[in-house]
Protein backbone atom coordinates (compact mmCIF):
# COMPACT_ATOMS: atom_id res chain seq x y z
CA TYR A 1 13.70 1.54 32.12
CA GLN A 2 14.91 4.06 29.55
CA SER A 3 15.51 1.32 27.00
CA PHE A 4 12.09 -0.19 27.68
CA ALA A 5 10.40 3.22 27.34
CA SER A 6 12.27 3.89 24.09
CA SER A 7 11.21 0.50 22.73
CA LEU A 8 7.58 1.19 23.58
CA PHE A 9 7.76 4.59 21.87
CA VAL A 10 9.23 3.10 18.69
CA LEU A 11 6.69 0.27 18.70
CA GLN A 12 3.78 2.67 19.13
CA SER A 13 5.04 5.14 16.52
CA THR A 14 5.54 2.43 13.89
CA LYS A 15 2.39 0.42 14.64
CA THR A 16 0.33 2.14 11.94
CA LEU A 17 3.20 1.85 9.46
CA TRP A 18 3.31 -1.93 9.99
CA LYS A 19 -0.46 -2.11 9.48
CA ALA A 20 -0.16 -0.07 6.27
CA MET A 21 2.63 -2.32 5.02
CA ALA A 22 0.60 -5.46 5.74
CA GLU A 23 -2.55 -4.06 4.11
CA THR A 24 -0.63 -2.96 1.02
CA GLN A 25 1.04 -6.34 0.62
CA LYS A 26 -2.29 -8.14 1.11
CA ASN A 27 -3.86 -6.15 -1.73
CA LEU A 28 -0.89 -6.61 -4.07
CA LEU A 29 -0.76 -10.33 -3.28
CA TYR A 30 -4.26 -10.68 -4.72
CA TRP A 31 -3.03 -9.44 -8.11
CA GLU A 32 0.20 -11.42 -7.90
CA HIS A 33 -1.80 -14.67 -7.69
CA SER A 34 -4.55 -13.66 -10.10
CA LYS A 35 -4.69 -15.46 -13.44
CA GLU A 36 -5.75 -12.25 -15.22
CA PRO A 37 -3.90 -8.93 -14.98
CA PRO A 38 -5.88 -6.04 -13.52
CA SER A 39 -7.42 -3.58 -15.95
CA ILE A 40 -5.86 -0.14 -16.32
CA GLN A 41 -7.58 1.95 -13.67
CA VAL A 42 -7.37 4.29 -10.71
CA GLN A 43 -9.44 3.53 -7.61
CA GLN A 44 -9.42 5.24 -4.26
CA GLY A 45 -11.33 5.26 -1.01
CA THR A 46 -11.22 5.52 2.77
CA TYR A 47 -11.02 2.68 5.27
CA ASP A 48 -14.11 2.36 7.48
CA ASP A 49 -14.07 2.52 11.28
CA GLY A 50 -14.18 -1.29 11.56
CA ASP A 51 -11.16 -1.78 9.29
CA SER A 52 -7.53 -2.18 10.36
CA LEU A 53 -6.69 1.41 9.34
CA PRO A 54 -9.81 3.45 10.17
CA GLY A 55 -9.86 6.85 8.49
CA ALA A 56 -6.83 6.15 6.31
CA ASN A 57 -7.10 6.77 2.57
CA TRP A 58 -6.09 4.21 -0.04
CA LYS A 59 -5.39 4.48 -3.74
CA MET A 60 -4.69 1.80 -6.34
CA GLU A 61 -3.31 2.85 -9.70
CA VAL A 62 -2.77 0.39 -12.54
CA LYS A 63 -0.96 1.44 -15.71
CA ASP A 64 1.16 -0.05 -18.46
CA MET A 65 4.86 0.70 -18.62
CA ILE A 66 7.66 -0.06 -21.05
CA PRO A 67 10.83 -0.31 -18.92
CA LEU A 68 12.88 -1.57 -21.88
CA PRO A 69 12.13 -1.42 -25.62
CA GLY A 70 9.68 -4.14 -26.55
CA ILE A 71 8.90 -5.15 -22.97
CA ARG A 72 5.51 -4.07 -21.68
CA VAL A 73 4.49 -4.69 -18.08
CA ARG A 74 1.56 -3.59 -15.97
CA ARG A 75 2.42 -1.70 -12.79
CA VAL A 76 0.04 -2.00 -9.83
CA ASN A 77 0.70 0.68 -7.20
CA TYR A 78 -1.13 0.58 -3.87
CA GLU A 79 -0.75 3.57 -1.57
CA ILE A 80 -2.10 4.27 1.92
CA THR A 81 -2.11 7.73 3.50
CA TRP A 82 -2.97 8.43 7.14
CA MET A 83 -2.77 11.20 9.70
CA GLU A 84 -1.11 11.01 13.11
CA GLY A 85 -1.73 14.26 14.92
CA GLU A 86 -0.97 17.01 12.42
CA ARG A 87 1.43 14.92 10.32
CA GLU A 88 0.54 13.05 7.17
CA TYR A 89 2.22 9.71 6.49
CA ARG A 90 2.24 7.69 3.30
CA TYR A 91 3.28 4.17 2.36
CA SER A 92 3.15 2.73 -1.15
CA SER A 93 4.33 -0.40 -2.85
CA ASP A 94 4.42 -1.65 -6.45
CA LEU A 95 3.86 -4.94 -8.19
CA TYR A 96 4.73 -5.63 -11.82
CA VAL A 97 2.76 -8.26 -13.75
CA LYS A 98 2.40 -9.26 -17.39
CA ALA A 99 0.32 -6.71 -19.25
CA GLU A 100 -1.57 -9.38 -21.21
């Protein structure tokens, strides 16, 4: 029973993390398949009660980068922040697309 209880604890404690990972990937996938790169911008908001991550905050930041001389890419960063009790958790992921 100890192993089962430990498994349930780990599953419950990572449930929101898995939701955040899935939501982040879903949003980045949109830009990965888009024919046009996103414009340079910063957007942010809060998920509504009916959403998969109610009360969590999201932020999308798009900016141009030059990782190597002469190579310009556009970085799309999507970040989700949520509270569990008194602790704040954050998950973010990046996607790099052609800048033009």
